[in-house]
Amino acid sequence: MDELHAIQTQLQNMTKEITSSREELKSMLKKEEIEELITSTITTIMAEIEENMNNKIEHLVS
């Protein structure tokens, strides 16, 4: 009977750990998505700045 109780306790602890790990994984995925969004946004902004600077240089040279 004690052995059955010990097994049940171990299973409950494993279930809690798996649930916790799953939640951490979800958070990590969201973090990666946010990092990708930031990178994409910065890349777009830098491209626009570069284009504007090239246009200004072209305008000044001509």
C-alpha atoms as a PDB file:
ATOM      1  CA  MET A   1       0.000   0.000   0.000  1.00  0.00           C
ATOM      2  CA  ASP A   2       2.861   2.382   0.847  1.00  0.00           C
ATOM      3  CA  GLU A   3       4.489   1.510  -2.456  1.00  0.00           C
ATOM      4  CA  LEU A   4       1.292   2.413  -4.338  1.00  0.00           C
ATOM      5  CA  HIS A   5       1.110   5.717  -2.492  1.00  0.00           C
ATOM      6  CA  ALA A   6       4.755   6.456  -3.342  1.00  0.00           C
ATOM      7  CA  ILE A   7       4.118   5.719  -7.027  1.00  0.00           C
ATOM      8  CA  GLN A   8       1.042   7.951  -6.995  1.00  0.00           C
ATOM      9  CA  THR A   9       3.049  10.784  -5.406  1.00  0.00           C
ATOM     10  CA  GLN A  10       5.812  10.398  -7.996  1.00  0.00           C
ATOM     11  CA  LEU A  11       3.270  10.516 -10.829  1.00  0.00           C
ATOM     12  CA  GLN A  12       1.693  13.671  -9.394  1.00  0.00           C
ATOM     13  CA  ASN A  13       5.101  15.329  -9.128  1.00  0.00           C
ATOM     14  CA  MET A  14       5.988  14.313 -12.691  1.00  0.00           C
ATOM     15  CA  THR A  15       2.683  15.717 -13.933  1.00  0.00           C
ATOM     16  CA  LYS A  16       3.371  19.044 -12.190  1.00  0.00           C
ATOM     17  CA  GLU A  17       6.870  19.219 -13.685  1.00  0.00           C
ATOM     18  CA  ILE A  18       5.615  18.418 -17.186  1.00  0.00           C
ATOM     19  CA  THR A  19       2.922  21.088 -16.894  1.00  0.00           C
ATOM     20  CA  SER A  20       5.488  23.600 -15.689  1.00  0.00           C
ATOM     21  CA  SER A  21       7.877  22.702 -18.518  1.00  0.00           C
ATOM     22  CA  ARG A  22       5.095  23.071 -21.071  1.00  0.00           C
ATOM     23  CA  GLU A  23       4.271  26.562 -19.778  1.00  0.00           C
ATOM     24  CA  GLU A  24       7.952  27.539 -19.900  1.00  0.00           C
ATOM     25  CA  LEU A  25       8.178  26.287 -23.472  1.00  0.00           C
ATOM     26  CA  LYS A  26       5.141  28.350 -24.457  1.00  0.00           C
ATOM     27  CA  SER A  27       6.808  31.429 -22.932  1.00  0.00           C
ATOM     28  CA  MET A  28      10.023  30.727 -24.809  1.00  0.00           C
ATOM     29  CA  LEU A  29       8.171  30.454 -28.101  1.00  0.00           C
ATOM     30  CA  LYS A  30       6.482  33.764 -27.462  1.00  0.00           C
ATOM     31  CA  LYS A  31       9.853  35.289 -26.618  1.00  0.00           C
ATOM     32  CA  GLU A  32      11.323  34.021 -29.903  1.00  0.00           C
ATOM     33  CA  GLU A  33       8.369  35.451 -31.823  1.00  0.00           C
ATOM     34  CA  ILE A  34       8.869  38.826 -30.138  1.00  0.00           C
ATOM     35  CA  GLU A  35      12.588  38.788 -30.923  1.00  0.00           C
ATOM     36  CA  GLU A  36      11.840  37.992 -34.575  1.00  0.00           C
ATOM     37  CA  LEU A  37       9.318  40.829 -34.724  1.00  0.00           C
ATOM     38  CA  ILE A  38      11.827  43.280 -33.237  1.00  0.00           C
ATOM     39  CA  THR A  39      14.531  42.155 -35.670  1.00  0.00           C
ATOM     40  CA  SER A  40      12.180  42.473 -38.621  1.00  0.00           C
ATOM     41  CA  THR A  41      11.023  45.928 -37.530  1.00  0.00           C
ATOM     42  CA  ILE A  42      14.581  47.198 -37.043  1.00  0.00           C
ATOM     43  CA  THR A  43      15.619  45.801 -40.421  1.00  0.00           C
ATOM     44  CA  THR A  44      12.707  47.601 -42.098  1.00  0.00           C
ATOM     45  CA  ILE A  45      13.490  50.877 -40.329  1.00  0.00           C
ATOM     46  CA  MET A  46      17.184  50.650 -41.228  1.00  0.00           C
ATOM     47  CA  ALA A  47      16.312  49.994 -44.880  1.00  0.00           C
ATOM     48  CA  GLU A  48      14.048  53.058 -44.930  1.00  0.00           C
ATOM     49  CA  ILE A  49      16.738  55.222 -43.313  1.00  0.00           C
ATOM     50  CA  GLU A  50      19.281  54.001 -45.844  1.00  0.00           C
ATOM     51  CA  GLU A  51      16.925  54.755 -48.725  1.00  0.00           C
ATOM     52  CA  ASN A  52      16.181  58.240 -47.362  1.00  0.00           C
ATOM     53  CA  MET A  53      19.893  58.982 -46.916  1.00  0.00           C
ATOM     54  CA  ASN A  54      20.633  57.798 -50.460  1.00  0.00           C
ATOM     55  CA  ASN A  55      17.849  60.021 -51.785  1.00  0.00           C
ATOM     56  CA  LYS A  56      19.208  63.030 -49.865  1.00  0.00           C
ATOM     57  CA  ILE A  57      22.752  62.401 -51.109  1.00  0.00           C
ATOM     58  CA  GLU A  58      21.482  62.010 -54.648  1.00  0.00           C
ATOM     59  CA  HIS A  59      19.534  65.252 -54.332  1.00  0.00           C
ATOM     60  CA  LEU A  60      22.562  67.114 -52.963  1.00  0.00           C
ATOM     61  CA  VAL A  61      24.902  65.779 -55.659  1.00  0.00           C
ATOM     62  CA  SER A  62      22.602  66.608 -58.551  1.00  0.00           C
END
